[in-house]
Structures are given as structure tokens and as C-alpha cells.
């Protein structure tokens, strides 16, 4: 995916698709955190991390629209901080998986979910 080669409508469609994938991966991961199925969680988390990093790139100037608030482009610094916090929390889940630490896995999943909610409250129309 090269954002510079995409039209605004393609970017918006890709952004919405990535958001749907983020939701689906998070929803699939949640019950697994309780079971401690680390191999399966690791696969989902790696996919989630990839999609989240790609998602961050899908907000270039001129791609306003969809369900994204115009505040994203007006306050890019805060938006980028929220996205970076989200990505960092996914990476922290990965560390919990590497350490086979179910307690920190659950804590980090909850932080990641909270980061989703915080961003939605501020930046979704």
C-alpha cells in the first residue's frame, strides 16, 4: 500500500477497512486473553500491529471525510500521540505474550482497548 498513489476515496475506504479489521482483531483477541492461548493471541496481535501501523498512514492532508473528524487534521499532534499510544499498547501486548504473562497481557489489552475508546471520543464524528 502506497498512500501517495491512492485517491482520497481509496484512502478513506482503506482507512475504514483497517478500522474494521482493528475492531475484528480486538474482538477476537479479548476472550483469548482470559484463556491464555498465547500462540493464537500472538498471531492476532501481530496482524493487529501491522494494521494499526498502516492505519496511522491513512490520514494524509486532503483525505478528510468518512467518519473521521476534521479535528484529526486540525490537531495532528494530538491525533498522532493517540495513535502512537495505541500502537505502543499493542507492542506491550506482544511483550506480555513473549513473557507468557497472562496478568500483564490482560492489563495491556485493557490499556489498548482504553486507547481505542479515548481516540474515538475525541476524533470520530
Protein backbone atom coordinates (compact mmCIF):
# COMPACT_ATOMS: atom_id res chain seq x y z
CA UNK A 1 0.00 0.00 0.00
CA UNK A 2 1.46 3.32 -1.09
CA UNK A 3 -0.78 6.12 0.14
CA UNK A 4 0.72 8.67 -2.27
CA UNK A 5 -0.62 6.62 -5.20
CA UNK A 6 -4.16 6.41 -3.80
CA UNK A 7 -7.11 8.75 -4.41
CA UNK A 8 -8.82 10.38 -1.45
CA UNK A 9 -11.77 7.99 -1.79
CA UNK A 10 -9.42 4.98 -1.87
CA UNK A 11 -7.66 6.24 1.25
CA UNK A 12 -10.95 6.71 3.08
CA UNK A 13 -12.12 3.23 2.03
CA UNK A 14 -8.80 1.68 3.13
CA UNK A 15 -8.94 3.60 6.43
CA UNK A 16 -12.47 2.33 7.11
CA UNK A 17 -11.39 -1.20 6.20
CA UNK A 18 -8.44 -1.01 8.56
CA UNK A 19 -10.69 0.26 11.35
CA UNK A 20 -13.00 -2.71 10.78
CA UNK A 21 -10.00 -5.07 10.94
CA UNK A 22 -8.78 -3.44 14.16
CA UNK A 23 -12.19 -3.96 15.71
CA UNK A 24 -12.39 -7.56 14.47
CA UNK A 25 -8.90 -8.46 15.72
CA UNK A 26 -9.56 -6.84 19.10
CA UNK A 27 -12.90 -8.60 19.45
CA UNK A 28 -11.32 -11.94 18.55
CA UNK A 29 -8.41 -11.39 20.93
CA UNK A 30 -10.43 -10.42 24.01
CA UNK A 31 -11.77 -13.86 25.03
CA UNK A 32 -8.39 -15.43 24.27
CA UNK A 33 -6.67 -13.18 26.81
CA UNK A 34 -8.70 -14.88 29.51
CA UNK A 35 -7.77 -18.36 28.29
CA UNK A 36 -4.07 -17.70 27.95
CA UNK A 37 -3.86 -19.13 24.41
CA UNK A 38 -0.61 -17.28 23.75
CA UNK A 39 0.15 -18.72 20.29
CA UNK A 40 -3.23 -17.72 18.90
CA UNK A 41 -3.12 -14.32 20.62
CA UNK A 42 0.35 -13.73 19.18
CA UNK A 43 -0.89 -14.31 15.62
CA UNK A 44 -3.80 -11.93 16.09
CA UNK A 45 -1.65 -9.34 17.84
CA UNK A 46 0.91 -9.36 15.01
CA UNK A 47 -1.90 -8.80 12.50
CA UNK A 48 -3.35 -6.06 14.69
CA UNK A 49 0.02 -4.32 14.96
CA UNK A 50 0.51 -4.39 11.19
CA UNK A 51 -2.96 -2.96 10.52
CA UNK A 52 -2.55 -0.28 13.23
CA UNK A 53 0.77 0.91 11.80
CA UNK A 54 -0.76 1.04 8.33
CA UNK A 55 -3.82 2.84 9.73
CA UNK A 56 -1.63 5.67 11.02
CA UNK A 57 -0.52 6.41 7.44
CA UNK A 58 -4.09 6.71 6.14
CA UNK A 59 -4.69 10.31 7.20
CA UNK A 60 -2.73 12.44 4.75
CA UNK A 61 -3.80 16.02 4.10
CA UNK A 62 -6.68 16.03 1.63
CA UNK A 63 -8.17 12.72 2.79
CA UNK A 64 -10.75 14.26 5.11
CA UNK A 65 -14.08 12.50 5.06
CA UNK A 66 -15.79 9.32 6.05
CA UNK A 67 -16.38 9.05 9.79
CA UNK A 68 -13.08 10.76 10.60
CA UNK A 69 -13.42 14.07 12.42
CA UNK A 70 -11.85 17.15 10.83
CA UNK A 71 -10.15 17.60 14.22
CA UNK A 72 -7.66 14.91 13.11
CA UNK A 73 -6.19 17.32 10.57
CA UNK A 74 -6.64 20.38 12.81
CA UNK A 75 -4.84 18.79 15.77
CA UNK A 76 -2.47 16.33 14.10
CA UNK A 77 -0.04 16.33 17.02
CA UNK A 78 -2.65 15.03 19.47
CA UNK A 79 -4.02 12.55 16.95
CA UNK A 80 -0.55 11.15 16.29
CA UNK A 81 0.01 10.85 20.06
CA UNK A 82 -3.22 8.86 20.42
CA UNK A 83 -2.28 6.56 17.53
CA UNK A 84 1.25 6.11 18.90
CA UNK A 85 -0.19 5.21 22.31
CA UNK A 86 -2.42 2.64 20.62
CA UNK A 87 0.50 1.13 18.71
CA UNK A 88 2.66 1.11 21.85
CA UNK A 89 -0.07 -0.74 23.77
CA UNK A 90 -0.21 -3.40 21.03
CA UNK A 91 3.58 -3.75 21.29
CA UNK A 92 3.19 -4.12 25.07
CA UNK A 93 0.74 -6.96 24.47
CA UNK A 94 3.49 -8.58 22.38
CA UNK A 95 5.92 -8.30 25.30
CA UNK A 96 3.34 -9.90 27.61
CA UNK A 97 3.00 -12.74 25.12
CA UNK A 98 6.79 -13.20 24.90
CA UNK A 99 6.94 -13.34 28.69
CA UNK A 100 3.92 -15.69 28.85
CA UNK A 101 2.47 -13.31 31.45
CA UNK A 102 -1.30 -13.55 31.48
CA UNK A 103 -1.76 -10.85 34.12
CA UNK A 104 0.17 -8.23 32.13
CA UNK A 105 -1.47 -9.49 28.93
CA UNK A 106 -4.91 -8.69 30.34
CA UNK A 107 -3.68 -5.34 31.70
CA UNK A 108 -2.11 -4.39 28.36
CA UNK A 109 -5.18 -5.49 26.42
CA UNK A 110 -7.32 -3.26 28.66
CA UNK A 111 -4.92 -0.35 28.06
CA UNK A 112 -5.13 -0.96 24.31
CA UNK A 113 -8.94 -1.03 24.45
CA UNK A 114 -8.94 2.16 26.51
CA UNK A 115 -6.70 3.82 23.93
CA UNK A 116 -9.27 2.91 21.25
CA UNK A 117 -12.07 4.47 23.26
CA UNK A 118 -10.13 7.64 24.03
CA UNK A 119 -9.31 8.22 20.38
CA UNK A 120 -12.90 7.56 19.29
CA UNK A 121 -14.26 10.00 21.85
CA UNK A 122 -12.01 12.77 20.60
CA UNK A 123 -11.68 12.09 16.87
CA UNK A 124 -14.68 10.21 15.49
CA UNK A 125 -17.68 12.07 14.08
